[in-house]
Amino acid sequence: MKKIYHLSTCTTCQRILEETGAAEKGFTLQDVKTAGITPAQLDELKEKVGSYEALFSRRALKYKELGLKDQVLTEADYRRLILEEYTFLKRPVVVAGKKVFVGSEKKTVAALTALIGG
């Protein structure tokens, strides 16, 4: 499977897609704002990366707004929050076969670019 979960209005996601050329290399794009991530998709990603927390974005504005930074969250909380609010999914999430790249850190983008030859 070659799929990218992203937010089309996010300039960071746009930059990563452009840098890697992933859209031209046969990856299916799913905008999590217009076509939200399904429970089955989220569970599949969790199996590949090991935890819902690894898919959870603490940069989302709602993270602070809802006071989540002051709470101890469980895996069930992370799952529920991601399904309820697309902004809690760390983006982009790129699935390239058995490999999954989560987020926009430089080392993650470099590894993705090396894999797909951007």
PDB file of N, CA and C in Angstrom:
ATOM      1  N   MET A   1       0.845  -1.180   0.000  1.00  0.00           N
ATOM      2  CA  MET A   1       0.000   0.000   0.000  1.00  0.00           C
ATOM      3  C   MET A   1       0.891   1.243   0.000  1.00  0.00           C
ATOM      4  N   LYS A   2       0.510   2.211  -0.805  1.00  0.00           N
ATOM      5  CA  LYS A   2       1.223   3.485  -0.870  1.00  0.00           C
ATOM      6  C   LYS A   2       0.194   4.584  -0.650  1.00  0.00           C
ATOM      7  N   LYS A   3       0.176   5.131   0.569  1.00  0.00           N
ATOM      8  CA  LYS A   3      -0.853   6.101   0.928  1.00  0.00           C
ATOM      9  C   LYS A   3      -0.270   7.205   1.790  1.00  0.00           C
ATOM     10  N   ILE A   4      -0.817   8.398   1.609  1.00  0.00           N
ATOM     11  CA  ILE A   4      -0.397   9.539   2.420  1.00  0.00           C
ATOM     12  C   ILE A   4      -1.633  10.184   3.035  1.00  0.00           C
ATOM     13  N   TYR A   5      -1.646  10.247   4.360  1.00  0.00           N
ATOM     14  CA  TYR A   5      -2.671  10.973   5.097  1.00  0.00           C
ATOM     15  C   TYR A   5      -2.097  12.358   5.352  1.00  0.00           C
ATOM     16  N   HIS A   6      -2.780  13.379   4.877  1.00  0.00           N
ATOM     17  CA  HIS A   6      -2.244  14.736   4.977  1.00  0.00           C
ATOM     18  C   HIS A   6      -3.383  15.731   5.149  1.00  0.00           C
ATOM     19  N   LEU A   7      -3.010  16.982   5.269  1.00  0.00           N
ATOM     20  CA  LEU A   7      -3.975  18.077   5.325  1.00  0.00           C
ATOM     21  C   LEU A   7      -3.626  19.010   4.173  1.00  0.00           C
ATOM     22  N   SER A   8      -4.534  19.139   3.205  1.00  0.00           N
ATOM     23  CA  SER A   8      -4.224  19.883   1.987  1.00  0.00           C
ATOM     24  C   SER A   8      -3.956  21.364   2.252  1.00  0.00           C
ATOM     25  N   THR A   9      -4.457  21.906   3.341  1.00  0.00           N
ATOM     26  CA  THR A   9      -4.244  23.321   3.641  1.00  0.00           C
ATOM     27  C   THR A   9      -2.973  23.566   4.459  1.00  0.00           C
ATOM     28  N   CYS A  10      -2.279  22.502   4.835  1.00  0.00           N
ATOM     29  CA  CYS A  10      -1.072  22.616   5.660  1.00  0.00           C
ATOM     30  C   CYS A  10       0.141  22.849   4.765  1.00  0.00           C
ATOM     31  N   THR A  11       0.817  23.970   4.961  1.00  0.00           N
ATOM     32  CA  THR A  11       1.972  24.286   4.119  1.00  0.00           C
ATOM     33  C   THR A  11       3.118  23.308   4.325  1.00  0.00           C
ATOM     34  N   THR A  12       3.249  22.767   5.529  1.00  0.00           N
ATOM     35  CA  THR A  12       4.300  21.784   5.782  1.00  0.00           C
ATOM     36  C   THR A  12       4.021  20.506   4.995  1.00  0.00           C
ATOM     37  N   CYS A  13       2.789  20.053   5.012  1.00  0.00           N
ATOM     38  CA  CYS A  13       2.419  18.861   4.224  1.00  0.00           C
ATOM     39  C   CYS A  13       2.645  19.118   2.738  1.00  0.00           C
ATOM     40  N   GLN A  14       2.258  20.292   2.265  1.00  0.00           N
ATOM     41  CA  GLN A  14       2.450  20.645   0.855  1.00  0.00           C
ATOM     42  C   GLN A  14       3.928  20.610   0.487  1.00  0.00           C
ATOM     43  N   ARG A  15       4.766  21.159   1.354  1.00  0.00           N
ATOM     44  CA  ARG A  15       6.208  21.189   1.090  1.00  0.00           C
ATOM     45  C   ARG A  15       6.779  19.774   1.023  1.00  0.00           C
ATOM     46  N   ILE A  16       6.378  18.927   1.958  1.00  0.00           N
ATOM     47  CA  ILE A  16       6.887  17.557   1.994  1.00  0.00           C
ATOM     48  C   ILE A  16       6.438  16.790   0.751  1.00  0.00           C
ATOM     49  N   LEU A  17       5.187  16.957   0.351  1.00  0.00           N
ATOM     50  CA  LEU A  17       4.693  16.285  -0.846  1.00  0.00           C
ATOM     51  C   LEU A  17       5.479  16.742  -2.073  1.00  0.00           C
ATOM     52  N   GLU A  18       5.779  18.021  -2.124  1.00  0.00           N
ATOM     53  CA  GLU A  18       6.537  18.563  -3.259  1.00  0.00           C
ATOM     54  C   GLU A  18       7.982  18.069  -3.240  1.00  0.00           C
ATOM     55  N   GLU A  19       8.618  18.116  -2.072  1.00  0.00           N
ATOM     56  CA  GLU A  19      10.017  17.690  -1.950  1.00  0.00           C
ATOM     57  C   GLU A  19      10.216  16.229  -2.329  1.00  0.00           C
ATOM     58  N   THR A  20       9.294  15.382  -1.887  1.00  0.00           N
ATOM     59  CA  THR A  20       9.445  13.943  -2.099  1.00  0.00           C
ATOM     60  C   THR A  20       8.896  13.491  -3.448  1.00  0.00           C
ATOM     61  N   GLY A  21       7.999  14.281  -4.023  1.00  0.00           N
ATOM     62  CA  GLY A  21       7.372  13.877  -5.278  1.00  0.00           C
ATOM     63  C   GLY A  21       6.455  12.677  -5.103  1.00  0.00           C
ATOM     64  N   ALA A  22       5.980  12.458  -3.907  1.00  0.00           N
ATOM     65  CA  ALA A  22       5.189  11.264  -3.589  1.00  0.00           C
ATOM     66  C   ALA A  22       3.914  11.166  -4.432  1.00  0.00           C
ATOM     67  N   ALA A  23       3.258  12.280  -4.683  1.00  0.00           N
ATOM     68  CA  ALA A  23       2.004  12.248  -5.441  1.00  0.00           C
ATOM     69  C   ALA A  23       2.232  11.711  -6.855  1.00  0.00           C
ATOM     70  N   GLU A  24       3.386  12.010  -7.430  1.00  0.00           N
ATOM     71  CA  GLU A  24       3.702  11.554  -8.778  1.00  0.00           C
ATOM     72  C   GLU A  24       4.224  10.121  -8.790  1.00  0.00           C
ATOM     73  N   LYS A  25       4.490   9.571  -7.635  1.00  0.00           N
ATOM     74  CA  LYS A  25       5.075   8.231  -7.559  1.00  0.00           C
ATOM     75  C   LYS A  25       4.058   7.170  -7.148  1.00  0.00           C
ATOM     76  N   GLY A  26       2.778   7.444  -7.414  1.00  0.00           N
ATOM     77  CA  GLY A  26       1.752   6.435  -7.207  1.00  0.00           C
ATOM     78  C   GLY A  26       1.149   6.355  -5.814  1.00  0.00           C
ATOM     79  N   PHE A  27       1.418   7.332  -4.973  1.00  0.00           N
ATOM     80  CA  PHE A  27       0.823   7.342  -3.640  1.00  0.00           C
ATOM     81  C   PHE A  27      -0.604   7.892  -3.718  1.00  0.00           C
ATOM     82  N   THR A  28      -1.497   7.269  -2.982  1.00  0.00           N
ATOM     83  CA  THR A  28      -2.868   7.755  -2.868  1.00  0.00           C
ATOM     84  C   THR A  28      -2.874   8.802  -1.757  1.00  0.00           C
ATOM     85  N   LEU A  29      -3.474   9.950  -2.042  1.00  0.00           N
ATOM     86  CA  LEU A  29      -3.546  11.024  -1.046  1.00  0.00           C
ATOM     87  C   LEU A  29      -4.924  11.022  -0.392  1.00  0.00           C
ATOM     88  N   GLN A  30      -4.936  11.151   0.931  1.00  0.00           N
ATOM     89  CA  GLN A  30      -6.193  11.276   1.669  1.00  0.00           C
ATOM     90  C   GLN A  30      -6.102  12.501   2.562  1.00  0.00           C
ATOM     91  N   ASP A  31      -6.917  13.502   2.245  1.00  0.00           N
ATOM     92  CA  ASP A  31      -6.983  14.713   3.055  1.00  0.00           C
ATOM     93  C   ASP A  31      -7.830  14.402   4.288  1.00  0.00           C
ATOM     94  N   VAL A  32      -7.206  14.428   5.465  1.00  0.00           N
ATOM     95  CA  VAL A  32      -7.903  14.017   6.688  1.00  0.00           C
ATOM     96  C   VAL A  32      -8.979  15.004   7.117  1.00  0.00           C
ATOM     97  N   LYS A  33      -8.978  16.199   6.532  1.00  0.00           N
ATOM     98  CA  LYS A  33     -10.029  17.157   6.873  1.00  0.00           C
ATOM     99  C   LYS A  33     -11.300  16.858   6.084  1.00  0.00           C
ATOM    100  N   THR A  34     -11.166  16.577   4.804  1.00  0.00           N
ATOM    101  CA  THR A  34     -12.349  16.340   3.972  1.00  0.00           C
ATOM    102  C   THR A  34     -12.776  14.878   3.974  1.00  0.00           C
ATOM    103  N   ALA A  35     -11.842  13.959   4.094  1.00  0.00           N
ATOM    104  CA  ALA A  35     -12.144  12.522   4.146  1.00  0.00           C
ATOM    105  C   ALA A  35     -11.459  11.972   5.387  1.00  0.00           C
ATOM    106  N   GLY A  36     -12.088  12.174   6.526  1.00  0.00           N
ATOM    107  CA  GLY A  36     -11.484  11.814   7.808  1.00  0.00           C
ATOM    108  C   GLY A  36     -10.952  10.395   7.867  1.00  0.00           C
ATOM    109  N   ILE A  37     -10.028  10.199   8.759  1.00  0.00           N
ATOM    110  CA  ILE A  37      -9.461   8.866   8.942  1.00  0.00           C
ATOM    111  C   ILE A  37     -10.489   7.984   9.635  1.00  0.00           C
ATOM    112  N   THR A  38     -10.633   6.766   9.156  1.00  0.00           N
ATOM    113  CA  THR A  38     -11.619   5.849   9.731  1.00  0.00           C
ATOM    114  C   THR A  38     -10.994   5.109  10.916  1.00  0.00           C
ATOM    115  N   PRO A  39     -11.830   4.559  11.797  1.00  0.00           N
ATOM    116  CA  PRO A  39     -11.292   3.763  12.903  1.00  0.00           C
ATOM    117  C   PRO A  39     -10.408   2.612  12.397  1.00  0.00           C
ATOM    118  N   ALA A  40     -10.830   1.951  11.324  1.00  0.00           N
ATOM    119  CA  ALA A  40     -10.045   0.832  10.781  1.00  0.00           C
ATOM    120  C   ALA A  40      -8.688   1.305  10.272  1.00  0.00           C
ATOM    121  N   GLN A  41      -8.664   2.453   9.586  1.00  0.00           N
ATOM    122  CA  GLN A  41      -7.391   3.000   9.095  1.00  0.00           C
ATOM    123  C   GLN A  41      -6.482   3.363  10.261  1.00  0.00           C
ATOM    124  N   LEU A  42      -7.050   3.996  11.284  1.00  0.00           N
ATOM    125  CA  LEU A  42      -6.257   4.401  12.437  1.00  0.00           C
ATOM    126  C   LEU A  42      -5.703   3.176  13.165  1.00  0.00           C
ATOM    127  N   ASP A  43      -6.519   2.151  13.324  1.00  0.00           N
ATOM    128  CA  ASP A  43      -6.066   0.929  13.990  1.00  0.00           C
ATOM    129  C   ASP A  43      -4.949   0.251  13.197  1.00  0.00           C
ATOM    130  N   GLU A  44      -5.058   0.272  11.874  1.00  0.00           N
ATOM    131  CA  GLU A  44      -4.019  -0.311  11.024  1.00  0.00           C
ATOM    132  C   GLU A  44      -2.701   0.465  11.171  1.00  0.00           C
ATOM    133  N   LEU A  45      -2.791   1.780  11.201  1.00  0.00           N
ATOM    134  CA  LEU A  45      -1.586   2.600  11.400  1.00  0.00           C
ATOM    135  C   LEU A  45      -0.964   2.321  12.760  1.00  0.00           C
ATOM    136  N   LYS A  46      -1.808   2.190  13.777  1.00  0.00           N
ATOM    137  CA  LYS A  46      -1.315   1.913  15.128  1.00  0.00           C
ATOM    138  C   LYS A  46      -0.545   0.595  15.160  1.00  0.00           C
ATOM    139  N   GLU A  47      -1.052  -0.409  14.459  1.00  0.00           N
ATOM    140  CA  GLU A  47      -0.367  -1.708  14.406  1.00  0.00           C
ATOM    141  C   GLU A  47       1.019  -1.557  13.778  1.00  0.00           C
ATOM    142  N   LYS A  48       1.134  -0.675  12.794  1.00  0.00           N
ATOM    143  CA  LYS A  48       2.405  -0.500  12.091  1.00  0.00           C
ATOM    144  C   LYS A  48       3.406   0.342  12.872  1.00  0.00           C
ATOM    145  N   VAL A  49       2.925   1.335  13.630  1.00  0.00           N
ATOM    146  CA  VAL A  49       3.849   2.222  14.346  1.00  0.00           C
ATOM    147  C   VAL A  49       3.984   1.891  15.826  1.00  0.00           C
ATOM    148  N   GLY A  50       3.080   1.072  16.354  1.00  0.00           N
ATOM    149  CA  GLY A  50       3.226   0.613  17.732  1.00  0.00           C
ATOM    150  C   GLY A  50       2.332   1.259  18.765  1.00  0.00           C
ATOM    151  N   SER A  51       1.849   2.472  18.506  1.00  0.00           N
ATOM    152  CA  SER A  51       0.979   3.113  19.497  1.00  0.00           C
ATOM    153  C   SER A  51       0.190   4.245  18.848  1.00  0.00           C
ATOM    154  N   TYR A  52      -0.925   4.589  19.480  1.00  0.00           N
ATOM    155  CA  TYR A  52      -1.698   5.748  19.027  1.00  0.00           C
ATOM    156  C   TYR A  52      -0.951   7.033  19.385  1.00  0.00           C
ATOM    157  N   GLU A  53      -0.212   6.989  20.482  1.00  0.00           N
ATOM    158  CA  GLU A  53       0.534   8.175  20.907  1.00  0.00           C
ATOM    159  C   GLU A  53       1.525   8.619  19.832  1.00  0.00           C
ATOM    160  N   ALA A  54       2.126   7.669  19.124  1.00  0.00           N
ATOM    161  CA  ALA A  54       3.080   7.997  18.065  1.00  0.00           C
ATOM    162  C   ALA A  54       2.406   8.722  16.903  1.00  0.00           C
ATOM    163  N   LEU A  55       1.101   8.582  16.782  1.00  0.00           N
ATOM    164  CA  LEU A  55       0.340   9.232  15.714  1.00  0.00           C
ATOM    165  C   LEU A  55      -0.315  10.535  16.179  1.00  0.00           C
ATOM    166  N   PHE A  56      -0.148  10.874  17.447  1.00  0.00           N
ATOM    167  CA  PHE A  56      -0.844  12.002  18.066  1.00  0.00           C
ATOM    168  C   PHE A  56       0.015  13.263  18.011  1.00  0.00           C
ATOM    169  N   SER A  57      -0.585  14.353  17.579  1.00  0.00           N
ATOM    170  CA  SER A  57       0.119  15.624  17.494  1.00  0.00           C
ATOM    171  C   SER A  57      -0.146  16.490  18.718  1.00  0.00           C
ATOM    172  N   ARG A  58       0.928  16.812  19.405  1.00  0.00           N
ATOM    173  CA  ARG A  58       0.810  17.740  20.539  1.00  0.00           C
ATOM    174  C   ARG A  58       0.928  19.190  20.078  1.00  0.00           C
ATOM    175  N   ARG A  59       1.154  19.400  18.795  1.00  0.00           N
ATOM    176  CA  ARG A  59       1.240  20.758  18.253  1.00  0.00           C
ATOM    177  C   ARG A  59      -0.135  21.343  17.939  1.00  0.00           C
ATOM    178  N   ALA A  60      -1.152  20.497  17.879  1.00  0.00           N
ATOM    179  CA  ALA A  60      -2.498  20.970  17.553  1.00  0.00           C
ATOM    180  C   ALA A  60      -2.926  22.034  18.561  1.00  0.00           C
ATOM    181  N   LEU A  61      -3.536  23.083  18.054  1.00  0.00           N
ATOM    182  CA  LEU A  61      -3.979  24.173  18.925  1.00  0.00           C
ATOM    183  C   LEU A  61      -4.948  23.674  19.991  1.00  0.00           C
ATOM    184  N   LYS A  62      -5.788  22.721  19.625  1.00  0.00           N
ATOM    185  CA  LYS A  62      -6.785  22.212  20.577  1.00  0.00           C
ATOM    186  C   LYS A  62      -6.130  21.461  21.730  1.00  0.00           C
ATOM    187  N   TYR A  63      -4.903  21.003  21.547  1.00  0.00           N
ATOM    188  CA  TYR A  63      -4.202  20.295  22.616  1.00  0.00           C
ATOM    189  C   TYR A  63      -4.111  21.184  23.857  1.00  0.00           C
ATOM    190  N   LYS A  64      -3.734  22.427  23.645  1.00  0.00           N
ATOM    191  CA  LYS A  64      -3.643  23.377  24.764  1.00  0.00           C
ATOM    192  C   LYS A  64      -5.021  23.906  25.140  1.00  0.00           C
ATOM    193  N   GLU A  65      -5.849  24.200  24.129  1.00  0.00           N
ATOM    194  CA  GLU A  65      -7.191  24.737  24.379  1.00  0.00           C
ATOM    195  C   GLU A  65      -8.012  23.827  25.293  1.00  0.00           C
ATOM    196  N   LEU A  66      -7.912  22.528  25.066  1.00  0.00           N
ATOM    197  CA  LEU A  66      -8.688  21.568  25.851  1.00  0.00           C
ATOM    198  C   LEU A  66      -7.997  21.171  27.152  1.00  0.00           C
ATOM    199  N   GLY A  67      -6.824  21.753  27.408  1.00  0.00           N
ATOM    200  CA  GLY A  67      -6.101  21.459  28.635  1.00  0.00           C
ATOM    201  C   GLY A  67      -5.517  20.056  28.672  1.00  0.00           C
ATOM    202  N   LEU A  68      -5.293  19.468  27.506  1.00  0.00           N
ATOM    203  CA  LEU A  68      -4.796  18.088  27.456  1.00  0.00           C
ATOM    204  C   LEU A  68      -3.360  17.977  27.929  1.00  0.00           C
ATOM    205  N   LYS A  69      -2.609  19.071  27.828  1.00  0.00           N
ATOM    206  CA  LYS A  69      -1.210  19.020  28.259  1.00  0.00           C
ATOM    207  C   LYS A  69      -1.082  18.811  29.769  1.00  0.00           C
ATOM    208  N   ASP A  70      -2.168  19.081  30.481  1.00  0.00           N
ATOM    209  CA  ASP A  70      -2.152  18.914  31.934  1.00  0.00           C
ATOM    210  C   ASP A  70      -2.781  17.588  32.375  1.00  0.00           C
ATOM    211  N   GLN A  71      -3.127  16.735  31.405  1.00  0.00           N
ATOM    212  CA  GLN A  71      -3.765  15.464  31.721  1.00  0.00           C
ATOM    213  C   GLN A  71      -2.846  14.305  31.346  1.00  0.00           C
ATOM    214  N   VAL A  72      -3.053  13.193  31.992  1.00  0.00           N
ATOM    215  CA  VAL A  72      -2.356  11.961  31.623  1.00  0.00           C
ATOM    216  C   VAL A  72      -3.280  11.207  30.672  1.00  0.00           C
ATOM    217  N   LEU A  73      -2.855  11.067  29.428  1.00  0.00           N
ATOM    218  CA  LEU A  73      -3.694  10.440  28.417  1.00  0.00           C
ATOM    219  C   LEU A  73      -3.315   8.980  28.224  1.00  0.00           C
ATOM    220  N   THR A  74      -4.320   8.162  27.988  1.00  0.00           N
ATOM    221  CA  THR A  74      -4.106   6.737  27.729  1.00  0.00           C
ATOM    222  C   THR A  74      -4.152   6.499  26.213  1.00  0.00           C
ATOM    223  N   GLU A  75      -3.796   5.295  25.799  1.00  0.00           N
ATOM    224  CA  GLU A  75      -3.886   4.939  24.384  1.00  0.00           C
ATOM    225  C   GLU A  75      -5.321   5.106  23.882  1.00  0.00           C
ATOM    226  N   ALA A  76      -6.299   4.740  24.708  1.00  0.00           N
ATOM    227  CA  ALA A  76      -7.709   4.888  24.328  1.00  0.00           C
ATOM    228  C   ALA A  76      -8.052   6.367  24.131  1.00  0.00           C
ATOM    229  N   ASP A  77      -7.478   7.243  24.963  1.00  0.00           N
ATOM    230  CA  ASP A  77      -7.705   8.684  24.824  1.00  0.00           C
ATOM    231  C   ASP A  77      -7.130   9.198  23.507  1.00  0.00           C
ATOM    232  N   TYR A  78      -5.895   8.778  23.205  1.00  0.00           N
ATOM    233  CA  TYR A  78      -5.263   9.215  21.953  1.00  0.00           C
ATOM    234  C   TYR A  78      -6.107   8.788  20.758  1.00  0.00           C
ATOM    235  N   ARG A  79      -6.573   7.542  20.763  1.00  0.00           N
ATOM    236  CA  ARG A  79      -7.379   7.025  19.654  1.00  0.00           C
ATOM    237  C   ARG A  79      -8.659   7.841  19.506  1.00  0.00           C
ATOM    238  N   ARG A  80      -9.353   8.031  20.610  1.00  0.00           N
ATOM    239  CA  ARG A  80     -10.619   8.772  20.586  1.00  0.00           C
ATOM    240  C   ARG A  80     -10.417  10.193  20.076  1.00  0.00           C
ATOM    241  N   LEU A  81      -9.391  10.863  20.583  1.00  0.00           N
ATOM    242  CA  LEU A  81      -9.138  12.248  20.187  1.00  0.00           C
ATOM    243  C   LEU A  81      -8.810  12.369  18.704  1.00  0.00           C
ATOM    244  N   ILE A  82      -7.989  11.463  18.185  1.00  0.00           N
ATOM    245  CA  ILE A  82      -7.641  11.505  16.758  1.00  0.00           C
ATOM    246  C   ILE A  82      -8.888  11.293  15.905  1.00  0.00           C
ATOM    247  N   LEU A  83      -9.742  10.375  16.309  1.00  0.00           N
ATOM    248  CA  LEU A  83     -10.963  10.117  15.538  1.00  0.00           C
ATOM    249  C   LEU A  83     -11.958  11.266  15.631  1.00  0.00           C
ATOM    250  N   GLU A  84     -11.986  11.956  16.765  1.00  0.00           N
ATOM    251  CA  GLU A  84     -12.924  13.069  16.953  1.00  0.00           C
ATOM    252  C   GLU A  84     -12.463  14.336  16.243  1.00  0.00           C
ATOM    253  N   GLU A  85     -11.169  14.566  16.178  1.00  0.00           N
ATOM    254  CA  GLU A  85     -10.642  15.830  15.666  1.00  0.00           C
ATOM    255  C   GLU A  85      -9.414  15.561  14.788  1.00  0.00           C
ATOM    256  N   TYR A  86      -9.555  15.816  13.490  1.00  0.00           N
ATOM    257  CA  TYR A  86      -8.479  15.513  12.537  1.00  0.00           C
ATOM    258  C   TYR A  86      -7.160  16.207  12.868  1.00  0.00           C
ATOM    259  N   THR A  87      -7.214  17.334  13.548  1.00  0.00           N
ATOM    260  CA  THR A  87      -5.975  18.064  13.831  1.00  0.00           C
ATOM    261  C   THR A  87      -5.058  17.324  14.801  1.00  0.00           C
ATOM    262  N   PHE A  88      -5.587  16.322  15.496  1.00  0.00           N
ATOM    263  CA  PHE A  88      -4.755  15.565  16.430  1.00  0.00           C
ATOM    264  C   PHE A  88      -3.915  14.483  15.743  1.00  0.00           C
ATOM    265  N   LEU A  89      -4.150  14.244  14.458  1.00  0.00           N
ATOM    266  CA  LEU A  89      -3.318  13.281  13.739  1.00  0.00           C
ATOM    267  C   LEU A  89      -2.036  13.986  13.314  1.00  0.00           C
ATOM    268  N   LYS A  90      -0.910  13.457  13.750  1.00  0.00           N
ATOM    269  CA  LYS A  90       0.382  14.013  13.358  1.00  0.00           C
ATOM    270  C   LYS A  90       0.504  13.832  11.848  1.00  0.00           C
ATOM    271  N   ARG A  91       0.876  14.901  11.146  1.00  0.00           N
ATOM    272  CA  ARG A  91       0.879  14.846   9.693  1.00  0.00           C
ATOM    273  C   ARG A  91       2.231  15.246   9.124  1.00  0.00           C
ATOM    274  N   PRO A  92       2.490  14.765   7.916  1.00  0.00           N
ATOM    275  CA  PRO A  92       1.759  13.730   7.184  1.00  0.00           C
ATOM    276  C   PRO A  92       2.097  12.344   7.717  1.00  0.00           C
ATOM    277  N   VAL A  93       1.240  11.388   7.404  1.00  0.00           N
ATOM    278  CA  VAL A  93       1.520   9.978   7.688  1.00  0.00           C
ATOM    279  C   VAL A  93       1.637   9.309   6.329  1.00  0.00           C
ATOM    280  N   VAL A  94       2.812   8.761   6.058  1.00  0.00           N
ATOM    281  CA  VAL A  94       3.072   8.134   4.762  1.00  0.00           C
ATOM    282  C   VAL A  94       3.254   6.638   4.975  1.00  0.00           C
ATOM    283  N   VAL A  95       2.443   5.864   4.280  1.00  0.00           N
ATOM    284  CA  VAL A  95       2.549   4.407   4.332  1.00  0.00           C
ATOM    285  C   VAL A  95       3.136   3.963   2.996  1.00  0.00           C
ATOM    286  N   ALA A  96       4.313   3.347   3.063  1.00  0.00           N
ATOM    287  CA  ALA A  96       4.994   2.844   1.869  1.00  0.00           C
ATOM    288  C   ALA A  96       5.281   1.368   2.111  1.00  0.00           C
ATOM    289  N   GLY A  97       4.320   0.532   1.750  1.00  0.00           N
ATOM    290  CA  GLY A  97       4.461  -0.898   2.015  1.00  0.00           C
ATOM    291  C   GLY A  97       4.403  -1.162   3.507  1.00  0.00           C
ATOM    292  N   LYS A  98       5.466  -1.764   4.043  1.00  0.00           N
ATOM    293  CA  LYS A  98       5.505  -2.066   5.480  1.00  0.00           C
ATOM    294  C   LYS A  98       6.075  -0.906   6.289  1.00  0.00           C
ATOM    295  N   LYS A  99       6.603   0.108   5.626  1.00  0.00           N
ATOM    296  CA  LYS A  99       7.199   1.249   6.325  1.00  0.00           C
ATOM    297  C   LYS A  99       6.176   2.371   6.478  1.00  0.00           C
ATOM    298  N   VAL A 100       6.244   3.026   7.643  1.00  0.00           N
ATOM    299  CA  VAL A 100       5.355   4.155   7.920  1.00  0.00           C
ATOM    300  C   VAL A 100       6.207   5.314   8.422  1.00  0.00           C
ATOM    301  N   PHE A 101       5.980   6.482   7.854  1.00  0.00           N
ATOM    302  CA  PHE A 101       6.689   7.698   8.247  1.00  0.00           C
ATOM    303  C   PHE A 101       5.654   8.652   8.818  1.00  0.00           C
ATOM    304  N   VAL A 102       5.890   9.111  10.052  1.00  0.00           N
ATOM    305  CA  VAL A 102       4.914   9.952  10.740  1.00  0.00           C
ATOM    306  C   VAL A 102       5.540  11.287  11.102  1.00  0.00           C
ATOM    307  N   GLY A 103       4.905  12.363  10.647  1.00  0.00           N
ATOM    308  CA  GLY A 103       5.333  13.693  11.045  1.00  0.00           C
ATOM    309  C   GLY A 103       6.260  14.361  10.053  1.00  0.00           C
ATOM    310  N   SER A 104       6.738  15.530  10.458  1.00  0.00           N
ATOM    311  CA  SER A 104       7.500  16.383   9.554  1.00  0.00           C
ATOM    312  C   SER A 104       8.915  16.683  10.050  1.00  0.00           C
ATOM    313  N   GLU A 105       9.419  15.869  10.979  1.00  0.00           N
ATOM    314  CA  GLU A 105      10.789  16.091  11.441  1.00  0.00           C
ATOM    315  C   GLU A 105      11.749  15.893  10.278  1.00  0.00           C
ATOM    316  N   LYS A 106      12.859  16.615  10.298  1.00  0.00           N
ATOM    317  CA  LYS A 106      13.818  16.551   9.197  1.00  0.00           C
ATOM    318  C   LYS A 106      14.299  15.134   8.920  1.00  0.00           C
ATOM    319  N   LYS A 107      14.600  14.376   9.972  1.00  0.00           N
ATOM    320  CA  LYS A 107      15.108  13.012   9.767  1.00  0.00           C
ATOM    321  C   LYS A 107      14.040  12.113   9.160  1.00  0.00           C
ATOM    322  N   THR A 108      12.765  12.332   9.514  1.00  0.00           N
ATOM    323  CA  THR A 108      11.668  11.546   8.954  1.00  0.00           C
ATOM    324  C   THR A 108      11.502  11.849   7.472  1.00  0.00           C
ATOM    325  N   VAL A 109      11.531  13.131   7.127  1.00  0.00           N
ATOM    326  CA  VAL A 109      11.391  13.541   5.727  1.00  0.00           C
ATOM    327  C   VAL A 109      12.589  13.060   4.911  1.00  0.00           C
ATOM    328  N   ALA A 110      13.792  13.111   5.489  1.00  0.00           N
ATOM    329  CA  ALA A 110      14.986  12.640   4.796  1.00  0.00           C
ATOM    330  C   ALA A 110      14.895  11.148   4.516  1.00  0.00           C
ATOM    331  N   ALA A 111      14.430  10.368   5.482  1.00  0.00           N
ATOM    332  CA  ALA A 111      14.287   8.933   5.298  1.00  0.00           C
ATOM    333  C   ALA A 111      13.221   8.622   4.237  1.00  0.00           C
ATOM    334  N   LEU A 112      12.145   9.371   4.252  1.00  0.00           N
ATOM    335  CA  LEU A 112      11.091   9.194   3.254  1.00  0.00           C
ATOM    336  C   LEU A 112      11.608   9.528   1.858  1.00  0.00           C
ATOM    337  N   THR A 113      12.311  10.636   1.763  1.00  0.00           N
ATOM    338  CA  THR A 113      12.860  11.055   0.468  1.00  0.00           C
ATOM    339  C   THR A 113      13.853  10.012  -0.053  1.00  0.00           C
ATOM    340  N   ALA A 114      14.662   9.482   0.825  1.00  0.00           N
ATOM    341  CA  ALA A 114      15.634   8.451   0.425  1.00  0.00           C
ATOM    342  C   ALA A 114      14.913   7.197  -0.079  1.00  0.00           C
ATOM    343  N   LEU A 115      13.791   6.847   0.555  1.00  0.00           N
ATOM    344  CA  LEU A 115      13.071   5.650   0.164  1.00  0.00           C
ATOM    345  C   LEU A 115      12.393   5.795  -1.200  1.00  0.00           C
ATOM    346  N   ILE A 116      11.722   6.927  -1.406  1.00  0.00           N
ATOM    347  CA  ILE A 116      10.956   7.060  -2.645  1.00  0.00           C
ATOM    348  C   ILE A 116      11.693   7.876  -3.708  1.00  0.00           C
ATOM    349  N   GLY A 117      12.871   8.346  -3.380  1.00  0.00           N
ATOM    350  CA  GLY A 117      13.704   9.030  -4.380  1.00  0.00           C
ATOM    351  C   GLY A 117      13.187  10.363  -4.841  1.00  0.00           C
ATOM    352  N   GLY A 118      12.857  11.238  -3.890  1.00  0.00           N
ATOM    353  CA  GLY A 118      12.298  12.551  -4.217  1.00  0.00           C
ATOM    354  C   GLY A 118      13.210  13.508  -4.853  1.00  0.00           C
TER     355      GLY A 118
END
